[in-house]
N, C-alpha and C. Protein backbone atom coordinates (compact mmCIF):
# COMPACT_ATOMS: atom_id res chain seq x y z
N MET A 1 -33.45 35.68 -8.22
CA MET A 1 -32.52 35.11 -7.29
C MET A 1 -31.14 35.11 -7.94
N SER A 2 -30.18 35.63 -7.23
CA SER A 2 -28.84 35.68 -7.81
C SER A 2 -28.20 34.29 -7.74
N HIS A 3 -27.16 34.15 -8.52
CA HIS A 3 -26.48 32.86 -8.58
C HIS A 3 -25.90 32.48 -7.22
N ALA A 4 -25.31 33.43 -6.52
CA ALA A 4 -24.69 33.16 -5.22
C ALA A 4 -25.73 32.69 -4.20
N SER A 5 -26.89 33.37 -4.17
CA SER A 5 -27.92 32.98 -3.21
C SER A 5 -28.52 31.63 -3.57
N MET A 6 -28.55 31.33 -4.88
CA MET A 6 -29.07 30.05 -5.32
C MET A 6 -28.13 28.91 -4.85
N LEU A 7 -26.84 29.14 -4.98
CA LEU A 7 -25.86 28.16 -4.52
C LEU A 7 -25.93 27.98 -3.01
N LYS A 8 -26.13 29.10 -2.32
CA LYS A 8 -26.23 29.08 -0.86
C LYS A 8 -27.44 28.24 -0.42
N ALA A 9 -28.57 28.45 -1.10
CA ALA A 9 -29.79 27.71 -0.77
C ALA A 9 -29.60 26.22 -1.08
N ARG A 10 -28.92 25.95 -2.17
CA ARG A 10 -28.67 24.57 -2.56
C ARG A 10 -27.82 23.85 -1.51
N ARG A 11 -26.78 24.54 -1.03
CA ARG A 11 -25.91 23.98 0.00
C ARG A 11 -26.70 23.71 1.28
N LYS A 12 -27.56 24.64 1.62
CA LYS A 12 -28.36 24.51 2.84
C LYS A 12 -29.28 23.29 2.73
N ASN A 13 -29.91 23.13 1.55
CA ASN A 13 -30.78 21.98 1.33
C ASN A 13 -30.01 20.67 1.41
N GLN A 14 -28.81 20.66 0.82
CA GLN A 14 -27.98 19.46 0.86
C GLN A 14 -27.60 19.11 2.29
N LYS A 15 -27.26 20.13 3.06
CA LYS A 15 -26.86 19.92 4.46
C LYS A 15 -28.03 19.35 5.26
N ASN A 16 -29.22 19.95 5.09
CA ASN A 16 -30.40 19.47 5.83
C ASN A 16 -30.76 18.04 5.43
N LYS A 17 -30.66 17.75 4.15
CA LYS A 17 -30.97 16.42 3.65
C LYS A 17 -30.00 15.40 4.25
N HIS A 18 -28.74 15.76 4.29
CA HIS A 18 -27.71 14.89 4.85
C HIS A 18 -27.98 14.63 6.34
N LEU A 19 -28.30 15.68 7.09
CA LEU A 19 -28.58 15.53 8.52
C LEU A 19 -29.77 14.61 8.76
N LEU A 20 -30.81 14.73 7.91
CA LEU A 20 -31.98 13.86 8.04
C LEU A 20 -31.63 12.39 7.76
N GLU A 21 -30.80 12.16 6.74
CA GLU A 21 -30.39 10.80 6.39
C GLU A 21 -29.58 10.17 7.52
N VAL A 22 -28.68 10.97 8.10
CA VAL A 22 -27.85 10.47 9.20
C VAL A 22 -28.72 10.13 10.41
N ALA A 23 -29.67 11.00 10.73
CA ALA A 23 -30.57 10.76 11.86
C ALA A 23 -31.41 9.51 11.63
N ALA A 24 -31.86 9.29 10.39
CA ALA A 24 -32.67 8.11 10.06
C ALA A 24 -31.84 6.85 10.23
N LYS A 25 -30.59 6.89 9.76
CA LYS A 25 -29.71 5.73 9.90
C LYS A 25 -29.46 5.41 11.36
N ARG A 26 -29.22 6.45 12.16
CA ARG A 26 -28.94 6.26 13.58
C ARG A 26 -30.16 5.67 14.29
N ALA A 27 -31.36 6.18 13.95
CA ALA A 27 -32.59 5.67 14.57
C ALA A 27 -32.80 4.21 14.20
N LYS A 28 -32.53 3.87 12.95
CA LYS A 28 -32.69 2.49 12.50
C LYS A 28 -31.73 1.57 13.24
N ARG A 29 -30.49 2.02 13.40
CA ARG A 29 -29.48 1.23 14.10
C ARG A 29 -29.86 1.02 15.57
N GLU A 30 -30.34 2.09 16.22
CA GLU A 30 -30.73 2.00 17.62
C GLU A 30 -31.94 1.10 17.80
N ALA A 31 -32.88 1.14 16.85
CA ALA A 31 -34.05 0.27 16.91
C ALA A 31 -33.64 -1.19 16.77
N LYS A 32 -32.70 -1.44 15.93
CA LYS A 32 -32.21 -2.79 15.73
C LYS A 32 -31.54 -3.31 17.00
N LEU A 33 -30.75 -2.46 17.65
CA LEU A 33 -30.09 -2.85 18.90
C LEU A 33 -31.11 -3.08 20.01
N ALA A 34 -32.14 -2.24 20.07
CA ALA A 34 -33.17 -2.37 21.10
C ALA A 34 -33.96 -3.66 20.90
N ALA A 35 -34.20 -4.04 19.65
CA ALA A 35 -34.95 -5.27 19.36
C ALA A 35 -34.12 -6.50 19.73
N ALA A 36 -32.80 -6.37 19.66
CA ALA A 36 -31.93 -7.50 19.97
C ALA A 36 -31.94 -7.83 21.45
N GLY A 37 -32.30 -6.87 22.29
CA GLY A 37 -32.34 -7.11 23.73
C GLY A 37 -31.06 -6.67 24.41
N PRO A 38 -31.00 -6.86 25.72
CA PRO A 38 -29.81 -6.42 26.45
C PRO A 38 -28.57 -7.22 26.07
N VAL A 39 -27.46 -6.58 26.15
CA VAL A 39 -26.20 -7.22 25.79
C VAL A 39 -25.75 -8.10 26.95
N VAL A 40 -25.46 -9.34 26.64
CA VAL A 40 -24.98 -10.26 27.66
C VAL A 40 -23.48 -10.42 27.48
N LYS A 41 -22.76 -10.06 28.53
CA LYS A 41 -21.31 -10.16 28.44
C LYS A 41 -20.87 -11.58 28.78
N LYS A 42 -19.94 -12.07 28.00
CA LYS A 42 -19.41 -13.40 28.25
C LYS A 42 -18.38 -13.33 29.36
N GLU A 43 -18.33 -14.38 30.17
CA GLU A 43 -17.32 -14.43 31.22
C GLU A 43 -15.99 -14.76 30.59
N LYS A 44 -14.98 -14.07 31.05
CA LYS A 44 -13.66 -14.35 30.52
C LYS A 44 -13.07 -15.54 31.27
N VAL A 45 -12.57 -16.48 30.51
CA VAL A 45 -11.96 -17.66 31.10
C VAL A 45 -10.46 -17.47 31.03
N LYS A 46 -9.84 -17.51 32.20
CA LYS A 46 -8.39 -17.34 32.22
C LYS A 46 -7.72 -18.66 31.89
N LYS A 47 -6.80 -18.61 30.97
CA LYS A 47 -6.06 -19.80 30.59
C LYS A 47 -4.89 -19.97 31.54
N GLU A 48 -4.65 -21.21 31.91
CA GLU A 48 -3.52 -21.48 32.79
C GLU A 48 -2.24 -21.39 31.98
N LYS A 49 -1.27 -20.74 32.58
CA LYS A 49 0.02 -20.62 31.89
C LYS A 49 0.80 -21.91 32.07
N VAL A 50 1.33 -22.36 30.97
CA VAL A 50 2.12 -23.59 31.01
C VAL A 50 3.59 -23.19 31.08
N ALA A 51 4.25 -23.69 32.12
CA ALA A 51 5.66 -23.36 32.28
C ALA A 51 6.47 -24.18 31.29
N THR A 52 7.28 -23.49 30.52
CA THR A 52 8.10 -24.20 29.55
C THR A 52 9.37 -24.68 30.23
N GLU A 53 9.70 -25.92 29.99
CA GLU A 53 10.89 -26.49 30.59
C GLU A 53 12.07 -26.29 29.65
N THR A 54 13.17 -25.86 30.22
CA THR A 54 14.36 -25.69 29.39
C THR A 54 15.12 -27.01 29.38
N VAL A 55 15.39 -27.47 28.20
CA VAL A 55 16.10 -28.74 28.04
C VAL A 55 17.55 -28.43 27.73
N LYS A 56 18.42 -28.95 28.58
CA LYS A 56 19.85 -28.73 28.35
C LYS A 56 20.33 -29.67 27.26
N PRO A 57 21.08 -29.12 26.31
CA PRO A 57 21.57 -29.99 25.24
C PRO A 57 22.61 -30.97 25.78
N THR A 58 22.55 -32.18 25.28
CA THR A 58 23.51 -33.18 25.72
C THR A 58 24.82 -32.95 25.00
N LYS A 59 25.90 -33.06 25.73
CA LYS A 59 27.21 -32.85 25.14
C LYS A 59 27.62 -34.09 24.37
N VAL A 60 28.14 -33.86 23.19
CA VAL A 60 28.58 -34.97 22.34
C VAL A 60 30.09 -35.07 22.48
N LYS A 61 30.54 -36.26 22.77
CA LYS A 61 31.98 -36.47 22.92
C LYS A 61 32.62 -36.45 21.54
N LYS A 62 33.77 -35.80 21.47
CA LYS A 62 34.49 -35.76 20.20
C LYS A 62 35.18 -37.10 20.00
N VAL A 63 35.05 -37.61 18.81
CA VAL A 63 35.65 -38.89 18.49
C VAL A 63 36.98 -38.63 17.82
N LYS A 64 38.00 -39.31 18.33
CA LYS A 64 39.32 -39.15 17.71
C LYS A 64 39.35 -39.94 16.41
N LEU A 65 39.91 -39.30 15.38
CA LEU A 65 39.98 -39.96 14.08
C LEU A 65 41.10 -40.99 14.08
N SER A 66 40.85 -42.04 13.32
CA SER A 66 41.88 -43.08 13.21
C SER A 66 42.98 -42.58 12.28
N LYS A 67 44.07 -43.32 12.27
CA LYS A 67 45.22 -42.91 11.42
C LYS A 67 44.82 -42.91 9.95
N GLU A 68 43.96 -43.84 9.59
CA GLU A 68 43.53 -43.95 8.20
C GLU A 68 42.74 -42.70 7.79
N GLU A 69 41.80 -42.27 8.65
CA GLU A 69 40.99 -41.09 8.35
C GLU A 69 41.84 -39.82 8.36
N LEU A 70 42.82 -39.74 9.26
CA LEU A 70 43.72 -38.59 9.28
C LEU A 70 44.52 -38.53 7.98
N GLY A 71 44.90 -39.68 7.48
CA GLY A 71 45.65 -39.74 6.22
C GLY A 71 44.80 -39.25 5.06
N ARG A 72 43.51 -39.60 5.05
CA ARG A 72 42.63 -39.13 3.98
C ARG A 72 42.49 -37.62 4.01
N GLN A 73 42.34 -37.06 5.22
CA GLN A 73 42.20 -35.60 5.34
C GLN A 73 43.47 -34.90 4.87
N GLU A 74 44.61 -35.46 5.20
CA GLU A 74 45.88 -34.85 4.79
C GLU A 74 46.02 -34.87 3.27
N SER A 75 45.56 -35.95 2.65
CA SER A 75 45.71 -36.05 1.20
C SER A 75 44.78 -35.06 0.48
N LYS A 76 43.66 -34.68 1.11
CA LYS A 76 42.73 -33.74 0.50
C LYS A 76 43.24 -32.31 0.54
N LYS A 77 44.11 -31.99 1.50
CA LYS A 77 44.63 -30.62 1.64
C LYS A 77 45.55 -30.32 0.46
N PRO A 78 45.45 -29.11 -0.12
CA PRO A 78 46.36 -28.78 -1.23
C PRO A 78 47.78 -28.62 -0.73
N LYS A 79 48.72 -29.19 -1.47
CA LYS A 79 50.12 -29.13 -1.09
C LYS A 79 50.77 -27.91 -1.71
N PRO A 80 51.63 -27.24 -0.94
CA PRO A 80 52.28 -26.04 -1.52
C PRO A 80 53.16 -26.42 -2.70
N ALA A 81 53.16 -25.55 -3.73
CA ALA A 81 53.94 -25.80 -4.94
C ALA A 81 55.43 -25.68 -4.61
N THR A 82 56.18 -26.58 -5.17
CA THR A 82 57.62 -26.52 -4.93
C THR A 82 58.23 -25.44 -5.81
N GLY A 83 59.18 -24.70 -5.27
CA GLY A 83 59.79 -23.61 -6.03
C GLY A 83 60.73 -24.10 -7.11
N LYS A 84 60.58 -23.62 -8.33
CA LYS A 84 61.44 -24.05 -9.43
C LYS A 84 62.32 -22.93 -9.87
């Protein structure tokens, strides 16, 4: 037997062996499903949609600052340097 024909025979054997293994697995899986019985589908329960309410933000009135607070803000601002 030549080397090429030996490799060819080996490939053929591997292919047949693989096909048998796949068929055995499939048969086992189908037997397991058959033993489990018919599939019972669950009823789908529709959830009620909840309408989201949009809440308008409340407007905040601006508070006028007192003279004292305005004076503090003015003192914090940097004063321009006097030209020398």
